[in-house]
Amino acid sequence: MSLNLVAPERSNFFYALSLLPNEKREAMRRIYDFCRHTDDLADAENVPLEIKRERLQTWREEVEACYHGNALHPILRDLKSVLDRFDIPKEYLLTLIDGVEMDLTKTRYETFEELKKYCYAVASTVGLISIQVFGYKHEETREYAINLGYALQLTNILRDIKQDAANGRIYLPLEDLRRFHYDETSLLASRYDERFIALMKFEVSRARQYYTQARSLLQRDERAAMFAAQTMDAIYFRLLNKIERARYDVFTERIAVSTPRKILIALRFWLGSHLTLST
C-alpha cells in the first residue's frame, strides 16, 4: 500500500507533478516508474511469497549495480542520469524497497512506532527523493519531507481502511484499537459505531499533527520550489477533512477529492510559486 505512486495518471501524485518544469517532471516520471515497478514486484498475483522476496532482492542488487554504473534493467538505466543529476542517495531507494517488502508478510502493527517506520519507508523516502529533484537549501526541508510523508500516508491509511481489511490488512495500530475498545473482528466486518468514531477522531487528530509539523518546517524561501509537495499536502488535507465531515464513515463509500478540485489546488500552488519568484 504505497503512497499512490503506482496509481493511474489521475492520481494525486499526477496532479501535484504535472506543472513542474520539463526536466524535473521527466525526472519524477522516471522515479515514478521505479516506484511502480517496485510495487508491482510485490503485488503480482499468483506469485509465491518466496519468489516475490527473491525478485525484490534481485531488484536491490540491480539498484546497487545502477549506482556503480552497471544498470541492466531499462528502468534503472533511465533512472541513472536522474540519480546523478539530482544527487539522490541510494539509501532512499533501498529503504523504499524494504517498505514494499514489509507488505508481503506484515498485516498488523502493534504500536504506532511500528507503523511510523513503515510510513517512513513507503512515503517519507519518496518525499526525500522528491525534494532532491525540486531543489532545497535548508536542512529543515528534509524534516518537512519526512513529516509530510507521515501525514500523507496516515491519511491514505484512514481512507483505505475498508479496502485494506478486505485484503486481511489492518494498518491502524492495535494498541489504538484496544484504547477505544474496538477489536479486529469489528474492523474486518466494517462495523461503524461510536467506538469506531472515537478511534477515527484520534487517528485524524494524529495525522493533522504531522501536517502542522511539516508546514512549520517549510521555510518561506523554499515554498516556491516545493509547490508540488504543497499541492500533495493540500489535496490530502482536504481528503482528511472530508473523512471528518463524513463522520469518519469510510465503510459506506470511498472518500475522494474531485478532479476539478485537484486541478484548482495544483494551479493555486503553481501560480503562487511563480508570483513568489517574480517578486
Protein backbone atom coordinates (compact mmCIF):
# COMPACT_ATOMS: atom_id res chain seq x y z
CA MET A 1 0.00 0.00 0.00
CA SER A 2 2.40 2.67 -1.14
CA LEU A 3 1.53 6.30 -1.50
CA ASN A 4 -0.47 6.40 -4.76
CA LEU A 5 2.74 6.33 -6.79
CA VAL A 6 1.55 3.40 -8.84
CA ALA A 7 -1.96 4.65 -9.50
CA PRO A 8 -3.27 5.79 -12.89
CA GLU A 9 -2.43 9.25 -14.20
CA ARG A 10 -5.41 10.84 -12.46
CA SER A 11 -3.80 10.10 -9.07
CA ASN A 12 -2.99 12.83 -6.56
CA PHE A 13 0.68 12.36 -7.41
CA PHE A 14 -0.04 13.16 -11.06
CA TYR A 15 -1.82 16.44 -10.31
CA ALA A 16 0.95 17.54 -7.98
CA LEU A 17 3.70 16.99 -10.55
CA SER A 18 2.03 17.89 -13.83
CA LEU A 19 3.05 21.57 -13.67
CA LEU A 20 6.71 21.04 -12.87
CA PRO A 21 9.33 22.30 -15.36
CA ASN A 22 10.08 19.75 -18.09
CA GLU A 23 13.38 18.46 -16.69
CA LYS A 24 12.00 17.95 -13.20
CA ARG A 25 8.74 16.47 -14.45
CA GLU A 26 10.69 13.96 -16.55
CA ALA A 27 12.90 13.13 -13.56
CA MET A 28 9.83 12.50 -11.41
CA ARG A 29 8.31 10.34 -14.16
CA ARG A 30 11.37 8.11 -14.07
CA ILE A 31 11.20 7.96 -10.28
CA TYR A 32 7.51 7.08 -10.64
CA ASP A 33 8.48 4.21 -12.97
CA PHE A 34 10.93 2.90 -10.38
CA CYS A 35 8.32 3.07 -7.60
CA ARG A 36 5.65 1.47 -9.77
CA HIS A 37 7.91 -1.41 -10.77
CA THR A 38 8.95 -1.95 -7.13
CA ASP A 39 5.30 -2.11 -6.11
CA ASP A 40 4.46 -4.45 -8.99
CA LEU A 41 7.12 -6.91 -7.84
CA ALA A 42 5.31 -7.26 -4.51
CA ASP A 43 1.73 -7.08 -5.82
CA ALA A 44 2.00 -9.63 -8.61
CA GLU A 45 -0.92 -12.06 -8.39
CA ASN A 46 -0.49 -15.82 -8.23
CA VAL A 47 3.23 -15.49 -7.46
CA PRO A 48 4.54 -17.37 -4.39
CA LEU A 49 5.83 -15.31 -1.49
CA GLU A 50 9.39 -16.58 -1.78
CA ILE A 51 9.51 -15.71 -5.48
CA LYS A 52 8.41 -12.16 -4.63
CA ARG A 53 11.13 -11.94 -1.99
CA GLU A 54 13.71 -13.16 -4.48
CA ARG A 55 12.58 -10.62 -7.04
CA LEU A 56 12.83 -7.77 -4.53
CA GLN A 57 16.29 -8.93 -3.51
CA THR A 58 17.35 -9.02 -7.15
CA TRP A 59 15.91 -5.50 -7.53
CA ARG A 60 18.05 -4.34 -4.58
CA GLU A 61 21.11 -5.79 -6.26
CA GLU A 62 20.19 -4.03 -9.50
CA VAL A 63 19.91 -0.73 -7.63
CA GLU A 64 23.40 -1.30 -6.22
CA ALA A 65 24.66 -2.02 -9.74
CA CYS A 66 22.95 1.13 -11.02
CA TYR A 67 24.90 3.30 -8.59
CA HIS A 68 28.11 1.70 -9.89
CA GLY A 69 27.15 2.47 -13.48
CA ASN A 70 26.27 -1.13 -14.33
CA ALA A 71 22.48 -0.96 -14.60
CA LEU A 72 20.93 -3.59 -16.87
CA HIS A 73 17.21 -3.06 -16.29
CA PRO A 74 15.78 -0.36 -18.62
CA ILE A 75 14.02 1.44 -15.74
CA LEU A 76 17.29 1.78 -13.85
CA ARG A 77 19.24 2.71 -16.98
CA ASP A 78 16.76 5.55 -17.50
CA LEU A 79 16.93 6.48 -13.82
CA LYS A 80 20.74 6.64 -13.59
CA SER A 81 21.02 10.13 -15.06
CA VAL A 82 18.36 11.37 -12.61
CA LEU A 83 20.19 9.85 -9.64
CA ASP A 84 23.40 11.56 -10.76
CA ARG A 85 21.86 14.88 -11.78
CA PHE A 86 19.94 15.34 -8.52
CA ASP A 87 22.35 13.51 -6.19
CA ILE A 88 19.74 11.08 -4.85
CA PRO A 89 21.13 8.83 -2.08
CA LYS A 90 20.97 5.10 -2.67
CA GLU A 91 19.58 4.51 0.82
CA TYR A 92 16.27 6.16 -0.14
CA LEU A 93 15.64 3.67 -2.94
CA LEU A 94 16.70 0.68 -0.85
CA THR A 95 14.53 1.77 2.08
CA LEU A 96 11.54 2.09 -0.24
CA ILE A 97 12.11 -1.50 -1.38
CA ASP A 98 12.26 -2.57 2.28
CA GLY A 99 8.91 -0.87 2.91
CA VAL A 100 7.26 -2.57 -0.04
CA GLU A 101 8.62 -5.92 1.17
CA MET A 102 7.03 -5.35 4.59
CA ASP A 103 3.62 -5.63 2.92
CA LEU A 104 4.42 -9.20 1.84
CA THR A 105 4.08 -10.60 5.33
CA LYS A 106 3.20 -7.88 7.84
CA THR A 107 -0.56 -7.40 8.13
CA ARG A 108 -0.74 -5.92 11.63
CA TYR A 109 1.07 -3.16 13.55
CA GLU A 110 1.11 -3.43 17.31
CA THR A 111 2.22 0.14 18.03
CA PHE A 112 2.28 3.48 16.28
CA GLU A 113 6.09 3.42 16.35
CA GLU A 114 5.98 0.26 14.22
CA LEU A 115 3.55 1.88 11.79
CA LYS A 116 5.67 5.02 11.66
CA LYS A 117 8.66 3.01 10.41
CA TYR A 118 6.50 1.63 7.62
CA CYS A 119 5.23 5.11 6.72
CA TYR A 120 8.80 6.39 6.58
CA ALA A 121 9.82 3.55 4.26
CA VAL A 122 6.97 3.86 1.73
CA ALA A 123 6.16 7.58 1.92
CA SER A 124 8.80 9.72 3.61
CA THR A 125 11.51 8.25 1.40
CA VAL A 126 9.52 9.35 -1.65
CA GLY A 127 9.37 12.82 -0.15
CA LEU A 128 13.11 12.83 0.42
CA ILE A 129 13.73 11.72 -3.17
CA SER A 130 11.32 14.37 -4.43
CA ILE A 131 12.95 17.31 -2.66
CA GLN A 132 16.27 16.33 -4.22
CA VAL A 133 14.61 16.92 -7.58
CA PHE A 134 12.68 20.03 -6.51
CA GLY A 135 15.81 21.59 -5.02
CA TYR A 136 16.19 22.81 -1.44
CA LYS A 137 18.58 24.87 0.68
CA HIS A 138 17.59 24.33 4.30
CA GLU A 139 18.19 21.20 6.36
CA GLU A 140 14.71 21.66 7.85
CA THR A 141 13.27 20.84 4.45
CA ARG A 142 14.38 17.24 4.88
CA GLU A 143 12.36 17.06 8.10
CA TYR A 144 9.50 18.75 6.25
CA ALA A 145 9.54 15.93 3.66
CA ILE A 146 9.68 13.24 6.33
CA ASN A 147 6.77 14.66 8.34
CA LEU A 148 4.68 15.33 5.25
CA GLY A 149 5.26 11.71 4.24
CA TYR A 150 3.86 10.58 7.59
CA ALA A 151 0.83 12.86 7.19
CA LEU A 152 0.03 11.72 3.66
CA GLN A 153 0.44 8.03 4.39
CA LEU A 154 -1.66 8.20 7.55
CA THR A 155 -4.41 9.90 5.52
CA ASN A 156 -4.06 7.20 2.88
CA ILE A 157 -4.45 4.53 5.56
CA LEU A 158 -7.59 6.14 7.00
CA ARG A 159 -9.21 6.42 3.58
CA ASP A 160 -8.42 2.80 2.66
CA ILE A 161 -9.40 1.03 5.88
CA LYS A 162 -12.18 -0.97 4.21
CA GLN A 163 -10.12 -1.89 1.15
CA ASP A 164 -7.15 -2.98 3.26
CA ALA A 165 -9.38 -5.00 5.60
CA ALA A 166 -10.80 -6.84 2.57
CA ASN A 167 -7.21 -7.92 1.89
CA GLY A 168 -6.73 -9.02 5.50
CA ARG A 169 -4.67 -5.96 6.47
CA ILE A 170 -5.07 -3.62 9.41
CA TYR A 171 -2.71 -0.67 9.42
CA LEU A 172 -4.25 1.10 12.41
CA PRO A 173 -2.09 0.27 15.45
CA LEU A 174 -3.64 -2.48 17.54
CA GLU A 175 -2.80 -0.50 20.69
CA ASP A 176 -5.16 2.21 19.39
CA LEU A 177 -7.95 -0.28 18.75
CA ARG A 178 -7.64 -1.52 22.33
CA ARG A 179 -7.65 2.04 23.67
CA PHE A 180 -11.10 2.58 22.17
CA HIS A 181 -12.37 -0.97 22.86
CA TYR A 182 -12.70 -1.65 19.14
CA ASP A 183 -11.39 -5.03 18.02
CA GLU A 184 -10.02 -6.53 14.82
CA THR A 185 -13.20 -8.50 14.18
CA SER A 186 -15.26 -5.31 14.21
CA LEU A 187 -12.91 -3.58 11.78
CA LEU A 188 -12.79 -6.52 9.39
CA ALA A 189 -16.62 -6.57 9.46
CA SER A 190 -16.79 -2.81 8.71
CA ARG A 191 -18.64 -2.17 11.97
CA TYR A 192 -19.38 1.56 12.18
CA ASP A 193 -20.28 2.58 15.72
CA GLU A 194 -19.36 5.09 18.43
CA ARG A 195 -16.20 3.15 19.27
CA PHE A 196 -15.02 3.42 15.67
CA ILE A 197 -15.88 7.13 15.55
CA ALA A 198 -13.82 7.76 18.70
CA LEU A 199 -10.92 5.76 17.25
CA MET A 200 -11.04 7.69 13.98
CA LYS A 201 -11.18 11.06 15.75
CA PHE A 202 -7.94 10.09 17.46
CA GLU A 203 -6.29 8.94 14.22
CA VAL A 204 -7.37 12.03 12.26
CA SER A 205 -6.03 14.25 15.04
CA ARG A 206 -2.68 12.46 14.88
CA ALA A 207 -2.49 12.91 11.10
CA ARG A 208 -3.28 16.62 11.48
CA GLN A 209 -0.36 16.99 13.86
CA TYR A 210 2.01 15.77 11.17
CA TYR A 211 0.60 18.22 8.63
CA THR A 212 1.08 21.01 11.17
CA GLN A 213 4.61 19.88 11.97
CA ALA A 214 5.54 19.63 8.28
CA ARG A 215 4.21 23.09 7.48
CA SER A 216 6.07 24.62 10.40
CA LEU A 217 9.36 23.28 8.99
CA LEU A 218 8.97 24.68 5.47
CA GLN A 219 10.87 27.95 5.29
CA ARG A 220 9.29 30.83 3.36
CA ASP A 221 12.06 30.93 0.76
CA GLU A 222 11.59 27.20 0.00
CA ARG A 223 7.86 27.39 -0.71
CA ALA A 224 8.14 28.19 -4.41
CA ALA A 225 10.40 25.19 -5.03
CA MET A 226 8.07 22.95 -3.01
CA PHE A 227 4.80 23.84 -4.78
CA ALA A 228 4.29 20.21 -5.88
CA ALA A 229 4.75 18.98 -2.31
CA GLN A 230 2.38 21.68 -1.06
CA THR A 231 -0.14 20.53 -3.66
CA MET A 232 0.03 16.99 -2.27
CA ASP A 233 -0.37 18.44 1.23
CA ALA A 234 -3.49 20.40 0.24
CA ILE A 235 -5.14 17.54 -1.65
CA TYR A 236 -4.63 15.03 1.13
CA PHE A 237 -5.54 17.53 3.85
CA ARG A 238 -8.80 18.14 2.03
CA LEU A 239 -9.31 14.37 1.92
CA LEU A 240 -8.75 14.22 5.69
CA ASN A 241 -11.35 16.98 6.16
CA LYS A 242 -13.83 15.06 4.01
CA ILE A 243 -13.31 11.96 6.15
CA GLU A 244 -14.09 14.07 9.21
CA ARG A 245 -17.18 15.65 7.61
CA ALA A 246 -18.45 12.15 6.75
CA ARG A 247 -18.30 11.41 10.48
CA TYR A 248 -15.43 9.04 9.73
CA ASP A 249 -17.64 6.62 7.80
CA VAL A 250 -15.05 5.17 5.41
CA PHE A 251 -17.06 1.95 5.10
CA THR A 252 -20.08 3.15 3.10
CA GLU A 253 -18.13 4.66 0.20
CA ARG A 254 -14.54 5.50 -0.66
CA ILE A 255 -13.98 9.16 0.12
CA ALA A 256 -12.12 11.14 -2.53
CA VAL A 257 -11.28 14.65 -3.70
CA SER A 258 -12.87 15.59 -7.03
CA THR A 259 -10.76 16.04 -10.15
CA PRO A 260 -11.73 19.73 -10.62
CA ARG A 261 -10.71 20.44 -7.03
CA LYS A 262 -7.34 18.72 -7.53
CA ILE A 263 -6.72 20.80 -10.65
CA LEU A 264 -7.61 24.02 -8.83
CA ILE A 265 -5.31 23.15 -5.94
CA ALA A 266 -2.41 22.38 -8.29
CA LEU A 267 -2.95 25.62 -10.21
CA ARG A 268 -3.15 27.65 -7.00
CA PHE A 269 0.22 26.47 -5.75
CA TRP A 270 1.81 26.69 -9.20
CA LEU A 271 0.64 30.27 -9.63
CA GLY A 272 1.72 31.07 -6.10
CA SER A 273 5.21 29.78 -6.82
CA HIS A 274 5.50 31.93 -9.95
CA LEU A 275 4.28 35.03 -8.14
CA THR A 276 6.84 34.39 -5.39
CA LEU A 277 9.67 34.03 -7.91
CA SER A 278 8.65 37.20 -9.74
CA THR A 279 8.69 39.41 -6.64
